[in-house]
Amino acid sequence: MGLNNTPNSNRLHIGIFGKRNSGKSSLINAVTNQDIALVSDIAGTTTDPVYKAMEINGIGPCVFIDTAGFDDDGALGTKRVEMTEKVIDKTDIAIMIINDTDISEEKEWYSKLNKNKIPVIFAVNKIDILENVNDIKKTVKENFNKDIIELSANEKIGIDKIRQELIRYLPESYNLESIVGHLVKSKDVVMLVMPQDIQAPKGRLILPQVQTIRDLLDNKCIVVCVTTENIDDALNSLANPPKLIITDSQVFKTVYEKKPEESLLTSFSVLFAALKGDIEEFVSGADAIDSLNENSRVLIAEACTHAPLSEDIGREKIPAMLRKRIGEGLRIDVVSGVDFPEDLSVYDLIIHCASCMFNKKYVLSRINRAKEKGIPISNYGIVIAKMVGILDKIKI
């Protein structure tokens, strides 16, 4: 998979924040060396957040998020500011542009970013036309104890400094995490069990499967791919049992019953729960299933937005398993994409998908929101393993 085909969920997310007409869009165009964001002298040109995937030398695959000005006003402006606030949950590194000495709003937004442990790079844009640059620098130093990068996006001044700061703030784990590296070594044989049912897209594999195969190849493993009905034939064709079997969580029980005793077992969903979220929190969250009753309420959150299918794991299979165990009165709500309830206190358990379409920062923000409210949160694969009685027998 080339860099230009890197999924957005695996890219560094860089959010650009500031007041209207501060030069956020022109900065993105200058850093990326492309006219990818609409630039205008009219304040408020950028409305909803704009996401642009790019490849930056020294940084690699990343996504720039161009936000509406946080000083937008009026009813529509309030909605735009709310959309900007939601960007914080997805941001790995923030660039805040400050073009005047009134920084009351910047202080408020810096507090929000700081609360979410997001590093902030301060920049003053339009130094080719601003007359109070030194005053702005002094204000930022006094209030944030930070230096500010002087920029002119139009004149391409200071752009290299922005790139250098972005590199300096790269998370230690950025581009270093392996999906399966903790479970395998070079030349291990790994079997992937991938049902090609109604949910499988015609003519291609789903993203977690593709990424896992690539990661196994990067780890110099020998990869064997089969469908559920061919497990026995595949195992018989091997001279020795595979070191690891990775399965679709839906067929956990079937694969567990067929696997050789010496083969380790996990699922794509479990692997991505560890890669994108907090695996320990997901495992402990699954214990809440034991205390559910017919008066309980469960939230199922899936990252993908798609038309419901008759065999959909989040909308059909997991609810059916839960109701069979708990009772038909169990209330289950399903949300998809970026929809996630503001009020989580009404739920007794949250079950999240593998999150292959979200970046880790966003998944962790959801987990933290649940923890703050004391609501258990788990993951599709972990929950299924729990309900079929093999959670203590799989590798996480």
Protein backbone atom coordinates (compact mmCIF):
# COMPACT_ATOMS: atom_id res chain seq x y z
CA MET A 1 0.00 0.00 0.00
CA GLY A 2 1.57 3.31 -1.11
CA LEU A 3 1.72 6.34 1.14
CA ASN A 4 -0.98 8.07 -0.88
CA ASN A 5 -3.28 5.13 -0.18
CA THR A 6 -2.70 5.16 3.58
CA PRO A 7 -6.10 5.12 5.33
CA ASN A 8 -6.93 8.40 7.08
CA SER A 9 -7.31 6.47 10.34
CA ASN A 10 -3.57 5.68 10.23
CA ARG A 11 -2.48 9.24 9.49
CA LEU A 12 -1.27 11.91 11.89
CA HIS A 13 -4.13 14.39 12.39
CA ILE A 14 -3.04 18.05 12.47
CA GLY A 15 -5.75 20.53 13.47
CA ILE A 16 -5.45 24.21 12.53
CA PHE A 17 -7.22 26.52 15.00
CA GLY A 18 -7.68 30.27 15.18
CA LYS A 19 -10.04 33.17 14.65
CA ARG A 20 -11.75 33.89 11.37
CA ASN A 21 -9.49 35.28 8.65
CA SER A 22 -6.33 34.55 10.65
CA GLY A 23 -4.82 32.65 7.74
CA LYS A 24 -5.55 29.02 8.68
CA SER A 25 -6.42 27.95 5.16
CA SER A 26 -3.49 29.78 3.58
CA LEU A 27 -1.13 28.11 6.08
CA ILE A 28 -2.36 24.66 5.04
CA ASN A 29 -1.84 25.56 1.39
CA ALA A 30 1.70 26.77 2.16
CA VAL A 31 2.71 23.76 4.27
CA THR A 32 1.36 21.27 1.75
CA ASN A 33 2.50 23.36 -1.22
CA GLN A 34 -0.92 22.94 -2.81
CA ASP A 35 -4.09 25.01 -3.10
CA ILE A 36 -6.20 22.53 -1.16
CA ALA A 37 -8.07 24.93 1.16
CA LEU A 38 -10.31 27.79 0.05
CA VAL A 39 -8.66 31.15 0.81
CA SER A 40 -10.58 34.44 0.96
CA ASP A 41 -10.27 37.86 2.57
CA ILE A 42 -13.87 37.43 3.77
CA ALA A 43 -13.97 36.20 7.37
CA GLY A 44 -15.79 32.90 7.86
CA THR A 45 -15.04 31.35 4.46
CA THR A 46 -14.29 27.99 6.09
CA THR A 47 -17.49 26.59 7.61
CA ASP A 48 -17.46 22.87 8.37
CA PRO A 49 -14.06 21.32 9.11
CA VAL A 50 -12.22 20.35 5.93
CA TYR A 51 -10.01 17.24 5.99
CA LYS A 52 -7.16 16.87 3.51
CA ALA A 53 -4.87 13.84 3.43
CA MET A 54 -1.27 14.63 2.50
CA GLU A 55 2.27 13.25 2.57
CA ILE A 56 4.80 15.64 4.16
CA ASN A 57 8.54 15.00 3.98
CA GLY A 58 9.80 14.06 7.42
CA ILE A 59 6.27 13.53 8.76
CA GLY A 60 4.80 10.96 6.40
CA PRO A 61 1.08 10.41 5.89
CA CYS A 62 -1.02 12.99 7.69
CA VAL A 63 -4.38 14.75 7.62
CA PHE A 64 -4.70 18.53 7.89
CA ILE A 65 -7.98 19.71 9.43
CA ASP A 66 -8.98 23.24 8.44
CA THR A 67 -11.51 24.51 11.01
CA ALA A 68 -13.98 27.35 11.16
CA GLY A 69 -12.90 30.37 13.19
CA PHE A 70 -13.68 29.92 16.86
CA ASP A 71 -14.92 33.52 17.01
CA ASP A 72 -17.74 32.78 14.56
CA ASP A 73 -21.03 34.30 15.74
CA GLY A 74 -24.76 33.96 15.22
CA ALA A 75 -26.81 30.75 15.30
CA LEU A 76 -24.96 29.24 12.33
CA GLY A 77 -21.65 30.40 13.76
CA THR A 78 -22.38 28.59 17.01
CA LYS A 79 -22.95 25.38 15.07
CA ARG A 80 -19.65 25.88 13.26
CA VAL A 81 -17.81 26.39 16.55
CA GLU A 82 -19.40 23.19 17.88
CA MET A 83 -18.07 21.35 14.83
CA THR A 84 -14.62 22.83 15.46
CA GLU A 85 -14.76 21.63 19.07
CA LYS A 86 -15.43 18.07 17.92
CA VAL A 87 -12.21 18.22 15.87
CA ILE A 88 -10.26 18.24 19.14
CA ASP A 89 -11.14 14.59 19.71
CA LYS A 90 -9.37 13.67 16.47
CA THR A 91 -6.36 15.99 16.69
CA ASP A 92 -2.86 14.66 17.41
CA ILE A 93 -1.06 18.01 17.06
CA ALA A 94 -2.64 21.48 16.99
CA ILE A 95 -1.42 24.64 15.30
CA MET A 96 -3.00 27.77 16.78
CA ILE A 97 -2.73 30.94 14.76
CA ILE A 98 -2.78 34.19 16.76
CA ASN A 99 -2.89 37.46 14.87
CA ASP A 100 -3.77 39.99 17.58
CA THR A 101 -3.14 40.67 21.26
CA ASP A 102 -6.70 39.95 22.42
CA ILE A 103 -6.26 36.27 23.26
CA SER A 104 -9.22 35.62 25.56
CA GLU A 105 -10.70 33.07 23.14
CA GLU A 106 -7.29 31.55 22.38
CA LYS A 107 -6.82 30.95 26.12
CA GLU A 108 -10.11 29.09 26.30
CA TRP A 109 -9.28 26.88 23.32
CA TYR A 110 -5.74 26.27 24.53
CA SER A 111 -7.25 25.02 27.79
CA LYS A 112 -9.46 22.59 25.87
CA LEU A 113 -6.52 21.32 23.83
CA ASN A 114 -4.28 21.07 26.89
CA LYS A 115 -6.97 19.14 28.79
CA ASN A 116 -6.88 16.57 25.99
CA LYS A 117 -3.06 16.46 26.15
CA ILE A 118 -2.69 17.79 22.61
CA PRO A 119 0.60 19.60 21.90
CA VAL A 120 0.03 23.10 20.56
CA ILE A 121 2.28 25.00 18.15
CA PHE A 122 1.70 28.77 18.18
CA ALA A 123 2.08 30.77 14.99
CA VAL A 124 1.47 34.34 13.89
CA ASN A 125 0.55 34.52 10.20
CA LYS A 126 0.63 37.46 7.78
CA ILE A 127 3.82 38.99 9.21
CA ASP A 128 4.28 40.67 5.83
CA ILE A 129 1.29 42.93 6.56
CA LEU A 130 0.85 42.89 10.37
CA GLU A 131 2.33 45.84 12.29
CA ASN A 132 2.09 44.41 15.83
CA VAL A 133 4.04 41.15 15.49
CA ASN A 134 6.33 41.93 18.44
CA ASP A 135 3.34 42.70 20.67
CA ILE A 136 1.75 39.39 19.69
CA LYS A 137 4.97 37.50 20.41
CA LYS A 138 5.21 39.15 23.83
CA THR A 139 1.56 38.35 24.62
CA VAL A 140 1.98 34.67 23.73
CA LYS A 141 5.18 34.39 25.78
CA GLU A 142 3.59 36.02 28.82
CA ASN A 143 0.37 33.99 28.74
CA PHE A 144 1.47 30.58 27.44
CA ASN A 145 5.22 30.64 28.11
CA LYS A 146 5.69 29.60 24.50
CA ASP A 147 7.58 30.99 21.56
CA ILE A 148 5.56 31.76 18.48
CA ILE A 149 6.58 31.00 14.91
CA GLU A 150 6.47 33.98 12.56
CA LEU A 151 4.81 33.15 9.26
CA SER A 152 3.81 34.58 5.98
CA ALA A 153 1.93 31.88 4.11
CA ASN A 154 1.77 34.11 1.04
CA GLU A 155 5.52 34.79 1.06
CA LYS A 156 6.39 31.22 2.21
CA ILE A 157 8.19 32.57 5.29
CA GLY A 158 8.49 30.29 8.30
CA ILE A 159 6.95 27.23 6.64
CA ASP A 160 10.03 25.07 7.24
CA LYS A 161 9.89 26.01 10.93
CA ILE A 162 6.30 24.78 11.12
CA ARG A 163 7.32 21.47 9.53
CA GLN A 164 10.22 21.14 11.97
CA GLU A 165 7.93 21.77 14.95
CA LEU A 166 5.44 19.18 13.67
CA ILE A 167 8.26 16.64 13.46
CA ARG A 168 9.40 17.56 16.98
CA TYR A 169 5.93 16.91 18.36
CA LEU A 170 5.35 13.61 16.56
CA PRO A 171 4.03 11.01 19.04
CA GLU A 172 6.69 8.45 19.98
CA SER A 173 4.48 5.65 18.68
CA TYR A 174 3.72 7.36 15.36
CA ASN A 175 4.24 4.95 12.46
CA LEU A 176 6.01 2.51 14.80
CA GLU A 177 3.13 0.36 16.04
CA SER A 178 2.70 -3.11 14.63
CA ILE A 179 -0.67 -4.84 14.63
CA VAL A 180 0.74 -8.32 15.33
CA GLY A 181 4.41 -7.72 16.19
CA HIS A 182 3.84 -8.65 19.84
CA LEU A 183 2.55 -12.10 18.87
CA VAL A 184 4.81 -13.26 16.03
CA LYS A 185 8.37 -13.44 14.83
CA SER A 186 10.02 -13.91 11.45
CA LYS A 187 9.02 -17.09 9.55
CA ASP A 188 6.06 -17.88 11.81
CA VAL A 189 3.11 -19.37 9.95
CA VAL A 190 -0.06 -17.37 10.57
CA MET A 191 -3.52 -18.44 9.41
CA LEU A 192 -6.20 -15.84 8.72
CA VAL A 193 -9.82 -17.03 8.82
CA MET A 194 -11.94 -14.62 6.80
CA PRO A 195 -15.60 -15.51 6.16
CA GLN A 196 -16.77 -14.24 2.78
CA ASP A 197 -20.37 -13.71 3.83
CA ILE A 198 -22.91 -11.01 2.95
CA GLN A 199 -20.89 -8.43 4.89
CA ALA A 200 -17.70 -9.03 2.88
CA PRO A 201 -17.38 -6.44 0.09
CA LYS A 202 -17.52 -8.03 -3.36
CA GLY A 203 -14.14 -8.33 -5.02
CA ARG A 204 -12.01 -7.07 -2.12
CA LEU A 205 -11.08 -7.54 1.53
CA ILE A 206 -12.07 -5.26 4.38
CA LEU A 207 -9.53 -2.77 5.70
CA PRO A 208 -8.50 -4.61 8.93
CA GLN A 209 -7.76 -7.75 6.91
CA VAL A 210 -5.66 -5.86 4.36
CA GLN A 211 -3.71 -4.01 7.04
CA THR A 212 -3.12 -7.18 9.05
CA ILE A 213 -1.84 -9.09 6.02
CA ARG A 214 0.55 -6.24 5.21
CA ASP A 215 1.76 -6.10 8.82
CA LEU A 216 2.36 -9.86 8.87
CA LEU A 217 4.38 -9.61 5.66
CA ASP A 218 6.38 -6.73 7.15
CA ASN A 219 7.10 -9.02 10.11
CA LYS A 220 8.40 -11.66 7.63
CA CYS A 221 5.63 -14.13 8.46
CA ILE A 222 4.19 -16.83 6.21
CA VAL A 223 0.52 -16.03 5.71
CA VAL A 224 -2.24 -18.54 4.95
CA CYS A 225 -5.72 -17.17 4.19
CA VAL A 226 -8.85 -19.32 4.33
CA THR A 227 -12.60 -19.09 4.70
CA THR A 228 -14.32 -20.72 7.66
CA GLU A 229 -15.41 -23.83 5.79
CA ASN A 230 -11.82 -24.56 4.66
CA ILE A 231 -10.14 -24.48 8.07
CA ASP A 232 -9.75 -28.26 8.35
CA ASP A 233 -8.27 -28.65 4.86
CA ALA A 234 -5.90 -25.73 5.44
CA LEU A 235 -4.66 -27.14 8.76
CA ASN A 236 -4.16 -30.58 7.22
CA SER A 237 -2.08 -29.05 4.42
CA LEU A 238 0.45 -27.65 6.88
CA ALA A 239 3.40 -29.67 8.12
CA ASN A 240 3.05 -28.05 11.56
CA PRO A 241 0.24 -26.15 13.30
CA PRO A 242 0.30 -22.39 12.67
CA LYS A 243 1.87 -20.25 15.37
CA LEU A 244 -1.15 -17.93 15.34
CA ILE A 245 -4.69 -17.98 13.98
CA ILE A 246 -6.44 -14.64 13.42
CA THR A 247 -10.14 -14.92 12.82
CA ASP A 248 -13.19 -12.81 12.25
CA SER A 249 -14.76 -12.46 15.68
CA GLN A 250 -18.11 -13.74 14.39
CA VAL A 251 -16.68 -17.25 14.05
CA PHE A 252 -14.58 -17.21 17.24
CA LYS A 253 -16.32 -20.27 18.71
CA THR A 254 -16.06 -22.32 15.52
CA VAL A 255 -12.38 -21.57 15.03
CA TYR A 256 -11.56 -22.16 18.70
CA GLU A 257 -13.11 -25.63 18.52
CA LYS A 258 -11.10 -26.50 15.40
CA LYS A 259 -7.73 -24.95 16.18
CA PRO A 260 -4.71 -27.05 17.26
CA GLU A 261 -4.01 -26.76 20.98
CA GLU A 262 -0.58 -25.21 20.43
CA SER A 263 -1.85 -22.47 18.07
CA LEU A 264 -2.53 -19.05 19.55
CA LEU A 265 -5.89 -17.46 18.72
CA THR A 266 -7.07 -13.88 18.37
CA SER A 267 -9.32 -11.85 16.08
CA PHE A 268 -9.02 -8.81 13.84
CA SER A 269 -11.29 -6.87 16.16
CA VAL A 270 -9.23 -7.74 19.24
CA LEU A 271 -5.98 -6.76 17.50
CA PHE A 272 -7.41 -3.40 16.49
CA ALA A 273 -8.84 -2.89 19.97
CA ALA A 274 -5.25 -3.06 21.23
CA LEU A 275 -3.89 -0.95 18.35
CA LYS A 276 -6.49 1.83 18.42
CA GLY A 277 -7.86 1.78 21.96
CA ASP A 278 -7.26 0.61 25.51
CA ILE A 279 -7.35 -3.19 25.52
CA GLU A 280 -7.31 -3.49 29.30
CA GLU A 281 -10.29 -1.16 29.58
CA PHE A 282 -12.13 -3.17 26.92
CA VAL A 283 -11.47 -6.46 28.73
CA SER A 284 -12.60 -5.14 32.10
CA GLY A 285 -15.59 -3.47 30.45
CA ALA A 286 -16.82 -6.82 29.14
CA ASP A 287 -17.40 -7.94 32.75
CA ALA A 288 -20.40 -5.61 32.81
CA ILE A 289 -22.25 -8.16 30.69
CA ASP A 290 -22.60 -10.34 33.80
CA SER A 291 -24.62 -7.65 35.57
CA LEU A 292 -26.94 -6.65 32.72
CA ASN A 293 -30.66 -7.31 33.02
CA GLU A 294 -33.76 -6.62 30.94
CA ASN A 295 -33.92 -3.07 32.30
CA SER A 296 -30.38 -2.31 31.14
CA ARG A 297 -29.45 -0.14 28.18
CA VAL A 298 -26.52 -0.82 25.86
CA LEU A 299 -24.93 1.44 23.24
CA ILE A 300 -23.29 -0.12 20.18
CA ALA A 301 -20.98 2.26 18.29
CA GLU A 302 -19.60 1.47 14.85
CA ALA A 303 -17.16 3.62 12.92
CA CYS A 304 -18.47 2.76 9.48
CA THR A 305 -21.59 4.29 8.00
CA HIS A 306 -23.32 1.78 5.78
CA ALA A 307 -26.75 0.42 4.99
CA PRO A 308 -27.69 -2.24 7.59
CA LEU A 309 -27.30 -5.82 6.37
CA SER A 310 -29.21 -8.89 7.51
CA GLU A 311 -26.04 -10.37 9.00
CA ASP A 312 -24.56 -7.12 10.33
CA ILE A 313 -22.37 -7.86 13.35
CA GLY A 314 -23.11 -4.63 15.23
CA ARG A 315 -26.77 -4.19 14.38
CA GLU A 316 -27.87 -7.81 14.23
CA LYS A 317 -25.50 -10.46 15.59
CA ILE A 318 -24.24 -8.88 18.83
CA PRO A 319 -27.73 -7.62 19.80
CA ALA A 320 -29.12 -11.13 19.17
CA MET A 321 -26.41 -12.69 21.35
CA LEU A 322 -27.01 -10.18 24.13
CA ARG A 323 -30.79 -10.60 24.11
CA LYS A 324 -30.47 -14.39 24.08
CA ARG A 325 -28.31 -14.14 27.20
CA ILE A 326 -30.03 -11.24 28.99
CA GLY A 327 -33.60 -11.21 27.72
CA GLU A 328 -35.65 -9.61 24.95
CA GLY A 329 -36.34 -6.53 27.07
CA LEU A 330 -32.73 -5.36 26.86
CA ARG A 331 -32.63 -1.94 25.19
CA ILE A 332 -29.91 -1.52 22.57
CA ASP A 333 -29.09 1.71 20.71
CA VAL A 334 -26.84 1.74 17.64
CA VAL A 335 -24.90 4.75 16.36
CA SER A 336 -22.50 4.97 13.43
CA GLY A 337 -19.78 7.22 12.07
CA VAL A 338 -18.98 10.26 14.20
CA ASP A 339 -22.37 10.13 15.93
CA PHE A 340 -21.78 9.49 19.61
CA PRO A 341 -24.25 10.57 22.32
CA GLU A 342 -23.34 13.55 24.47
CA ASP A 343 -25.08 11.94 27.45
CA LEU A 344 -23.53 8.53 28.13
CA SER A 345 -24.89 8.28 31.67
CA VAL A 346 -28.04 6.49 30.48
CA TYR A 347 -26.04 3.43 29.39
CA ASP A 348 -24.91 0.40 31.37
CA LEU A 349 -22.40 -0.71 28.72
CA ILE A 350 -20.87 0.66 25.52
CA ILE A 351 -19.65 -1.78 22.86
CA HIS A 352 -17.37 -0.28 20.21
CA CYS A 353 -16.33 -1.68 16.84
CA ALA A 354 -12.71 -2.30 15.82
CA SER A 355 -12.44 1.39 14.82
CA CYS A 356 -10.42 0.78 11.68
CA MET A 357 -11.87 4.04 10.28
CA PHE A 358 -10.88 6.15 13.31
CA ASN A 359 -7.47 7.31 14.48
CA LYS A 360 -6.27 6.25 17.93
CA LYS A 361 -6.67 9.72 19.38
CA TYR A 362 -10.38 9.73 18.56
CA VAL A 363 -11.00 6.24 19.93
CA LEU A 364 -9.19 7.08 23.17
CA SER A 365 -11.27 10.24 23.51
CA ARG A 366 -14.43 8.12 23.44
CA ILE A 367 -12.97 5.69 25.97
CA ASN A 368 -12.02 8.57 28.26
CA ARG A 369 -15.51 10.05 28.03
CA ALA A 370 -16.97 6.70 29.10
CA LYS A 371 -14.48 6.38 31.96
CA GLU A 372 -15.27 9.88 33.19
CA LYS A 373 -18.93 8.89 33.46
CA GLY A 374 -18.12 5.51 35.01
CA ILE A 375 -19.66 3.63 32.07
CA PRO A 376 -18.01 0.30 31.12
CA ILE A 377 -16.82 0.20 27.50
CA SER A 378 -15.72 -2.81 25.48
CA ASN A 379 -15.15 -3.95 21.90
CA TYR A 380 -16.93 -6.24 19.42
CA GLY A 381 -14.30 -9.00 19.50
CA ILE A 382 -13.79 -8.89 23.27
CA VAL A 383 -17.56 -9.02 23.89
CA ILE A 384 -18.06 -11.96 21.53
CA ALA A 385 -15.17 -13.87 23.11
CA LYS A 386 -16.71 -13.17 26.52
CA MET A 387 -20.14 -14.42 25.49
CA VAL A 388 -18.86 -17.63 23.91
CA GLY A 389 -16.70 -18.34 26.97
CA ILE A 390 -13.19 -18.06 25.50
CA LEU A 391 -12.06 -14.59 26.57
CA ASP A 392 -9.42 -16.06 28.88
CA LYS A 393 -8.16 -18.31 26.07
CA ILE A 394 -7.40 -15.75 23.36
CA LYS A 395 -4.34 -13.57 22.92
CA ILE A 396 -4.70 -9.84 23.31
